[in-house]
Structures are given as C-alpha cells and as structure tokens.
Amino acid sequence: MTNSTIDIFRNNLRFYRNEQGLTQEKLSELTGISTDYLSEIERGKKTPSFKRMELIAKALNLEVYKLFMPLQ
C-alpha cells in the first residue's frame, strides 16, 4: 500500500518531532503555529501551507524535502 504525499508528511512530522524530543507545545513555540493546528496536521485534519511546512522544517533542523521522503 502506498501512502499519499500528505500522509508521508504528517507521519514524518510526528516522527522527527518525537525523535528530537519535542512536544507539540514546544514545536508550537518554535514555529509560531498553534498547538491545535499542529495536532490537526498530525491527525490528517489540516494540510499546512508551504510557508508553514518551511517553518516546521526549520524548527526541526531539516530541509523541507526530508518531510516528504518515506521513512525506511
């Protein structure tokens, strides 16, 4: 089964956030994106704009493309 691009993004967001020991609250502080919105992204309820994707990637010290690459 293949994942959609946005499913890969949201799963990677959760993975990298947890890998770095960040809560949604801390990521919210780093990005300026509300905790509720981050939660909705991770649950597949919202799709972030590219600007928000950039903010998330920067806060996670990642290049944006990494959030779209399936994890092995």
N, C-alpha and C. Protein backbone atom coordinates (compact mmCIF):
# COMPACT_ATOMS: atom_id res chain seq x y z
N MET A 1 0.83 -1.17 0.00
CA MET A 1 0.00 0.00 0.00
C MET A 1 0.88 1.24 0.00
N THR A 2 0.56 2.21 -0.85
CA THR A 2 1.35 3.43 -0.90
C THR A 2 0.67 4.52 -0.09
N ASN A 3 1.46 5.36 0.49
CA ASN A 3 0.94 6.49 1.25
C ASN A 3 0.83 7.71 0.35
N SER A 4 -0.15 8.52 0.61
CA SER A 4 -0.24 9.78 -0.11
C SER A 4 0.88 10.69 0.39
N THR A 5 1.20 11.68 -0.38
CA THR A 5 2.26 12.62 -0.02
C THR A 5 1.97 13.30 1.31
N ILE A 6 0.75 13.70 1.53
CA ILE A 6 0.42 14.39 2.79
C ILE A 6 0.48 13.43 3.97
N ASP A 7 0.14 12.16 3.75
CA ASP A 7 0.27 11.16 4.82
C ASP A 7 1.74 10.98 5.20
N ILE A 8 2.60 10.95 4.20
CA ILE A 8 4.04 10.84 4.47
C ILE A 8 4.51 12.06 5.26
N PHE A 9 4.07 13.25 4.85
CA PHE A 9 4.45 14.47 5.55
C PHE A 9 4.03 14.42 7.01
N ARG A 10 2.77 14.10 7.26
CA ARG A 10 2.29 14.14 8.65
C ARG A 10 2.94 13.06 9.51
N ASN A 11 3.19 11.89 8.93
CA ASN A 11 3.89 10.84 9.68
C ASN A 11 5.33 11.24 9.98
N ASN A 12 5.99 11.87 9.00
CA ASN A 12 7.36 12.31 9.21
C ASN A 12 7.42 13.45 10.22
N LEU A 13 6.46 14.34 10.18
CA LEU A 13 6.40 15.42 11.16
C LEU A 13 6.37 14.83 12.57
N ARG A 14 5.49 13.89 12.79
CA ARG A 14 5.38 13.25 14.11
C ARG A 14 6.68 12.53 14.46
N PHE A 15 7.23 11.78 13.50
CA PHE A 15 8.46 11.02 13.74
C PHE A 15 9.61 11.95 14.14
N TYR A 16 9.89 12.96 13.33
CA TYR A 16 11.02 13.85 13.60
C TYR A 16 10.79 14.69 14.86
N ARG A 17 9.57 15.08 15.11
CA ARG A 17 9.27 15.83 16.34
C ARG A 17 9.58 14.95 17.55
N ASN A 18 9.10 13.72 17.53
CA ASN A 18 9.35 12.80 18.64
C ASN A 18 10.83 12.44 18.75
N GLU A 19 11.48 12.24 17.62
CA GLU A 19 12.91 11.89 17.61
C GLU A 19 13.74 12.97 18.29
N GLN A 20 13.31 14.21 18.14
CA GLN A 20 14.04 15.33 18.75
C GLN A 20 13.53 15.67 20.15
N GLY A 21 12.60 14.87 20.64
CA GLY A 21 12.10 15.05 21.99
C GLY A 21 11.25 16.30 22.16
N LEU A 22 10.61 16.73 21.07
CA LEU A 22 9.78 17.93 21.13
C LEU A 22 8.31 17.56 21.31
N THR A 23 7.65 18.27 22.18
CA THR A 23 6.20 18.15 22.29
C THR A 23 5.58 19.05 21.22
N GLN A 24 4.30 18.86 21.00
CA GLN A 24 3.60 19.76 20.09
C GLN A 24 3.65 21.19 20.63
N GLU A 25 3.60 21.34 21.94
CA GLU A 25 3.67 22.65 22.55
C GLU A 25 5.00 23.34 22.26
N LYS A 26 6.10 22.60 22.40
CA LYS A 26 7.42 23.18 22.14
C LYS A 26 7.57 23.51 20.66
N LEU A 27 7.11 22.62 19.78
CA LEU A 27 7.18 22.91 18.35
C LEU A 27 6.34 24.13 18.01
N SER A 28 5.23 24.27 18.69
CA SER A 28 4.38 25.45 18.51
C SER A 28 5.15 26.72 18.85
N GLU A 29 5.87 26.69 19.96
CA GLU A 29 6.67 27.85 20.37
C GLU A 29 7.75 28.17 19.33
N LEU A 30 8.38 27.13 18.78
CA LEU A 30 9.46 27.33 17.82
C LEU A 30 8.98 27.83 16.46
N THR A 31 7.75 27.48 16.10
CA THR A 31 7.24 27.81 14.77
C THR A 31 6.26 28.97 14.74
N GLY A 32 5.62 29.24 15.87
CA GLY A 32 4.55 30.23 15.87
C GLY A 32 3.25 29.67 15.34
N ILE A 33 3.18 28.36 15.16
CA ILE A 33 1.97 27.67 14.70
C ILE A 33 1.28 27.12 15.95
N SER A 34 -0.02 27.30 16.04
CA SER A 34 -0.72 26.88 17.25
C SER A 34 -0.61 25.36 17.48
N THR A 35 -0.65 24.99 18.74
CA THR A 35 -0.63 23.59 19.10
C THR A 35 -1.81 22.84 18.49
N ASP A 36 -2.98 23.47 18.51
CA ASP A 36 -4.16 22.84 17.93
C ASP A 36 -3.96 22.56 16.45
N TYR A 37 -3.38 23.52 15.74
CA TYR A 37 -3.17 23.35 14.30
C TYR A 37 -2.15 22.24 14.03
N LEU A 38 -1.06 22.21 14.82
CA LEU A 38 -0.07 21.14 14.65
C LEU A 38 -0.71 19.77 14.90
N SER A 39 -1.55 19.69 15.91
CA SER A 39 -2.25 18.44 16.19
C SER A 39 -3.14 18.04 15.02
N GLU A 40 -3.82 19.00 14.45
CA GLU A 40 -4.70 18.70 13.31
C GLU A 40 -3.89 18.26 12.09
N ILE A 41 -2.70 18.82 11.89
CA ILE A 41 -1.83 18.36 10.80
C ILE A 41 -1.45 16.91 11.03
N GLU A 42 -0.98 16.60 12.24
CA GLU A 42 -0.53 15.23 12.54
C GLU A 42 -1.66 14.22 12.44
N ARG A 43 -2.89 14.64 12.70
CA ARG A 43 -4.04 13.73 12.62
C ARG A 43 -4.67 13.71 11.24
N GLY A 44 -4.13 14.47 10.31
CA GLY A 44 -4.66 14.47 8.95
C GLY A 44 -5.92 15.30 8.77
N LYS A 45 -6.21 16.19 9.71
CA LYS A 45 -7.40 17.04 9.63
C LYS A 45 -7.13 18.32 8.85
N LYS A 46 -5.88 18.77 8.85
CA LYS A 46 -5.49 20.00 8.15
C LYS A 46 -4.28 19.73 7.29
N THR A 47 -4.16 20.48 6.21
CA THR A 47 -2.98 20.43 5.35
C THR A 47 -2.32 21.80 5.41
N PRO A 48 -1.07 21.85 5.86
CA PRO A 48 -0.42 23.15 6.03
C PRO A 48 -0.01 23.77 4.70
N SER A 49 0.11 25.09 4.71
CA SER A 49 0.64 25.80 3.55
C SER A 49 2.13 25.50 3.45
N PHE A 50 2.71 25.83 2.30
CA PHE A 50 4.14 25.59 2.14
C PHE A 50 4.92 26.46 3.13
N LYS A 51 4.47 27.66 3.39
CA LYS A 51 5.14 28.53 4.36
C LYS A 51 5.19 27.86 5.73
N ARG A 52 4.09 27.26 6.14
CA ARG A 52 4.08 26.56 7.43
C ARG A 52 4.98 25.33 7.40
N MET A 53 5.00 24.64 6.26
CA MET A 53 5.91 23.49 6.13
C MET A 53 7.35 23.94 6.30
N GLU A 54 7.69 25.10 5.73
CA GLU A 54 9.04 25.63 5.88
C GLU A 54 9.35 25.96 7.33
N LEU A 55 8.40 26.56 8.04
CA LEU A 55 8.60 26.88 9.46
C LEU A 55 8.84 25.61 10.28
N ILE A 56 8.05 24.58 9.99
CA ILE A 56 8.19 23.30 10.70
C ILE A 56 9.55 22.69 10.43
N ALA A 57 9.95 22.64 9.15
CA ALA A 57 11.23 22.05 8.79
C ALA A 57 12.38 22.80 9.46
N LYS A 58 12.31 24.12 9.45
CA LYS A 58 13.37 24.92 10.09
C LYS A 58 13.46 24.62 11.58
N ALA A 59 12.32 24.54 12.25
CA ALA A 59 12.29 24.25 13.68
C ALA A 59 12.85 22.86 13.98
N LEU A 60 12.70 21.93 13.04
CA LEU A 60 13.19 20.57 13.21
C LEU A 60 14.61 20.39 12.66
N ASN A 61 15.21 21.51 12.20
CA ASN A 61 16.56 21.48 11.61
C ASN A 61 16.65 20.50 10.44
N LEU A 62 15.64 20.56 9.58
CA LEU A 62 15.58 19.69 8.41
C LEU A 62 15.37 20.52 7.15
N GLU A 63 15.78 19.96 6.03
CA GLU A 63 15.38 20.52 4.74
C GLU A 63 13.94 20.07 4.52
N VAL A 64 13.14 20.90 3.88
CA VAL A 64 11.71 20.60 3.70
C VAL A 64 11.52 19.24 3.02
N TYR A 65 12.35 18.93 2.03
CA TYR A 65 12.14 17.68 1.28
C TYR A 65 12.18 16.45 2.17
N LYS A 66 12.92 16.50 3.28
CA LYS A 66 13.01 15.35 4.18
C LYS A 66 11.65 14.97 4.75
N LEU A 67 10.77 15.96 4.89
CA LEU A 67 9.44 15.68 5.44
C LEU A 67 8.54 14.94 4.45
N PHE A 68 9.01 14.83 3.19
CA PHE A 68 8.22 14.16 2.16
C PHE A 68 8.81 12.83 1.72
N MET A 69 9.94 12.44 2.32
CA MET A 69 10.57 11.19 1.94
C MET A 69 10.11 10.06 2.86
N PRO A 70 9.59 8.98 2.28
CA PRO A 70 9.13 7.86 3.12
C PRO A 70 10.27 7.36 4.02
N LEU A 71 9.95 7.10 5.27
CA LEU A 71 10.92 6.57 6.21
C LEU A 71 11.11 5.09 5.94
N GLN A 72 12.32 4.63 6.13
CA GLN A 72 12.62 3.21 5.88
C GLN A 72 12.38 2.37 7.08
